[in-house]
Amino acid sequence: MKSIHISLFLSILVLGFSSCYEEPDWLADNTTPGSGNFPVISTFGTSNGSEFAVGETVQLDLRFFSVDEIDRIVLSSIISGVETEEESFAYTPNFSEDSQTDVLLMSYTVPTGLAADVTTISLKVEIINKNGLTRDSSVDIDILM
């Protein structure tokens, strides 16, 4: 009889804790009522390593999609906390069957004249929809001195 009470208590305890777990809500996380849908970034990263010397070119691979129309995509660098827009791209559909996303390949050249204490540069991509909703993602690269 005691084992039945313990089993019942443990079952209630497990059910109680599982009801506290909040499931991710993709729709709520990617839409704004009355405004439309956010763009979605599947992946953003480098395709030729993570360490670069001054003057070297970083190859960037962005995989993304959006239910609503995309206005533009902006690539920025963040060096010592200062964000600088590097390039802006008009949206051109480039669907990839393997990833089931659009693909944008970009390049970034590590600038010369960096301060000696700069060891990392963050590269940020931002997708801007025509409805004004945006999504961004960043990747850090290490600078070889």
Protein backbone atom coordinates (compact mmCIF):
# COMPACT_ATOMS: atom_id res chain seq x y z
CA MET A 1 0.00 0.00 0.00
CA LYS A 2 2.86 2.34 0.82
CA SER A 3 4.44 1.73 -2.62
CA ILE A 4 1.14 2.67 -4.32
CA HIS A 5 1.08 6.00 -2.46
CA ILE A 6 4.68 6.71 -3.39
CA SER A 7 4.01 5.84 -7.05
CA LEU A 8 0.92 8.05 -7.07
CA PHE A 9 2.83 10.93 -5.45
CA LEU A 10 5.69 10.61 -7.96
CA SER A 11 3.26 10.52 -10.88
CA ILE A 12 1.54 13.68 -9.69
CA LEU A 13 4.91 15.33 -9.14
CA VAL A 14 6.09 14.46 -12.68
CA LEU A 15 2.85 15.73 -14.22
CA GLY A 16 3.08 18.92 -12.19
CA PHE A 17 6.62 19.68 -13.34
CA SER A 18 5.92 18.85 -16.96
CA SER A 19 3.05 21.33 -17.04
CA CYS A 20 5.54 24.11 -16.14
CA TYR A 21 7.58 23.50 -19.31
CA GLU A 22 6.73 26.02 -22.01
CA GLU A 23 6.91 24.71 -25.56
CA PRO A 24 8.52 26.96 -28.18
CA ASP A 25 5.87 28.75 -30.23
CA TRP A 26 7.30 29.23 -33.73
CA LEU A 27 4.35 31.25 -34.95
CA ALA A 28 4.36 33.68 -32.00
CA ASP A 29 8.16 34.02 -32.18
CA ASN A 30 8.12 34.88 -35.88
CA THR A 31 5.04 37.05 -36.37
CA THR A 32 3.70 40.33 -35.06
CA PRO A 33 -0.10 40.67 -35.10
CA GLY A 34 -1.09 43.29 -37.64
CA SER A 35 2.46 43.68 -38.99
CA GLY A 36 3.21 40.37 -40.64
CA ASN A 37 6.06 37.90 -40.49
CA PHE A 38 9.68 38.26 -39.45
CA PRO A 39 12.38 36.97 -41.79
CA VAL A 40 14.02 33.75 -40.59
CA ILE A 41 17.77 33.11 -40.59
CA SER A 42 18.51 29.42 -40.86
CA THR A 43 22.32 29.74 -40.71
CA PHE A 44 24.96 32.45 -41.00
CA GLY A 45 28.66 31.70 -40.87
CA THR A 46 32.00 31.70 -42.59
CA SER A 47 32.83 29.10 -45.21
CA ASN A 48 36.61 29.50 -45.20
CA GLY A 49 37.65 29.37 -41.55
CA SER A 50 37.47 31.53 -38.46
CA GLU A 51 40.95 33.12 -38.28
CA PHE A 52 42.04 35.80 -40.74
CA ALA A 53 44.97 38.15 -41.22
CA VAL A 54 44.65 41.80 -42.21
CA GLY A 55 43.80 42.02 -45.92
CA GLU A 56 42.37 38.49 -46.15
CA THR A 57 38.86 37.88 -47.46
CA VAL A 58 36.20 36.19 -45.33
CA GLN A 59 33.61 34.21 -47.27
CA LEU A 60 30.15 34.41 -45.64
CA ASP A 61 27.22 32.08 -46.25
CA LEU A 62 23.70 33.19 -45.27
CA ARG A 63 20.72 30.79 -45.46
CA PHE A 64 17.33 32.43 -44.87
CA PHE A 65 13.67 32.73 -45.86
CA SER A 66 10.68 34.98 -45.30
CA VAL A 67 6.97 34.58 -45.77
CA ASP A 68 6.67 38.34 -46.29
CA GLU A 69 8.58 40.27 -48.96
CA ILE A 70 12.23 41.10 -48.20
CA ASP A 71 13.40 44.67 -48.79
CA ARG A 72 17.16 44.32 -48.36
CA ILE A 73 19.98 42.58 -46.51
CA VAL A 74 22.69 44.55 -44.71
CA LEU A 75 26.18 43.34 -43.76
CA SER A 76 27.92 45.27 -40.97
CA SER A 77 31.17 44.91 -39.07
CA ILE A 78 31.56 45.59 -35.37
CA ILE A 79 35.11 46.52 -34.36
CA SER A 80 35.83 47.64 -30.78
CA GLY A 81 32.11 48.23 -30.24
CA VAL A 82 31.69 50.47 -33.31
CA GLU A 83 29.22 49.16 -35.90
CA THR A 84 29.82 50.07 -39.54
CA GLU A 85 27.60 49.16 -42.48
CA GLU A 86 29.80 47.40 -45.03
CA GLU A 87 27.36 46.57 -47.79
CA SER A 88 23.65 46.46 -48.57
CA PHE A 89 22.16 43.86 -50.91
CA ALA A 90 18.85 44.04 -52.75
CA TYR A 91 16.90 40.82 -52.29
CA THR A 92 17.35 38.43 -55.19
CA PRO A 93 15.69 35.01 -54.88
CA ASN A 94 18.30 32.23 -54.85
CA PHE A 95 16.52 29.11 -53.61
CA SER A 96 18.65 26.12 -52.66
CA GLU A 97 16.99 22.71 -52.87
CA ASP A 98 19.40 21.14 -50.35
CA SER A 99 18.71 23.63 -47.53
CA GLN A 100 15.19 24.66 -48.64
CA THR A 101 16.22 28.30 -48.08
CA ASP A 102 17.44 31.26 -50.07
CA VAL A 103 21.23 31.63 -50.16
CA LEU A 104 23.33 34.79 -50.17
CA LEU A 105 27.11 34.45 -50.45
CA MET A 106 29.02 37.54 -49.33
CA SER A 107 32.64 38.50 -48.80
CA TYR A 108 34.32 40.79 -46.29
CA THR A 109 37.95 41.93 -46.42
CA VAL A 110 39.65 42.38 -43.04
CA PRO A 111 40.66 46.06 -43.01
CA THR A 112 44.21 47.31 -42.71
CA GLY A 113 45.20 49.72 -39.96
CA LEU A 114 43.47 47.88 -37.13
CA ALA A 115 44.54 48.79 -33.62
CA ALA A 116 46.92 46.25 -32.05
CA ASP A 117 44.33 45.32 -29.41
CA VAL A 118 41.71 44.25 -31.98
CA THR A 119 41.61 40.46 -31.84
CA THR A 120 38.01 39.87 -32.92
CA ILE A 121 35.64 41.36 -35.46
CA SER A 122 31.92 40.61 -35.35
CA LEU A 123 30.17 40.42 -38.70
CA LYS A 124 26.45 41.04 -38.50
CA VAL A 125 23.84 40.40 -41.14
CA GLU A 126 20.37 41.93 -40.92
CA ILE A 127 17.43 40.97 -43.10
CA ILE A 128 14.89 43.77 -43.43
CA ASN A 129 11.39 42.96 -44.65
CA LYS A 130 9.22 45.50 -46.48
CA ASN A 131 6.81 45.30 -43.52
CA GLY A 132 9.59 46.77 -41.31
CA LEU A 133 10.26 43.58 -39.34
CA THR A 134 13.90 42.50 -39.15
CA ARG A 135 16.08 39.62 -38.02
CA ASP A 136 19.84 39.65 -37.47
CA SER A 137 22.63 37.21 -36.73
CA SER A 138 26.35 37.60 -36.06
CA VAL A 139 29.52 35.61 -36.44
CA ASP A 140 32.88 36.44 -34.84
CA ILE A 141 36.18 36.10 -36.65
CA ASP A 142 39.59 36.06 -34.97
CA ILE A 143 42.27 38.43 -36.26
CA LEU A 144 45.80 37.09 -36.65
CA MET A 145 48.48 39.65 -35.91
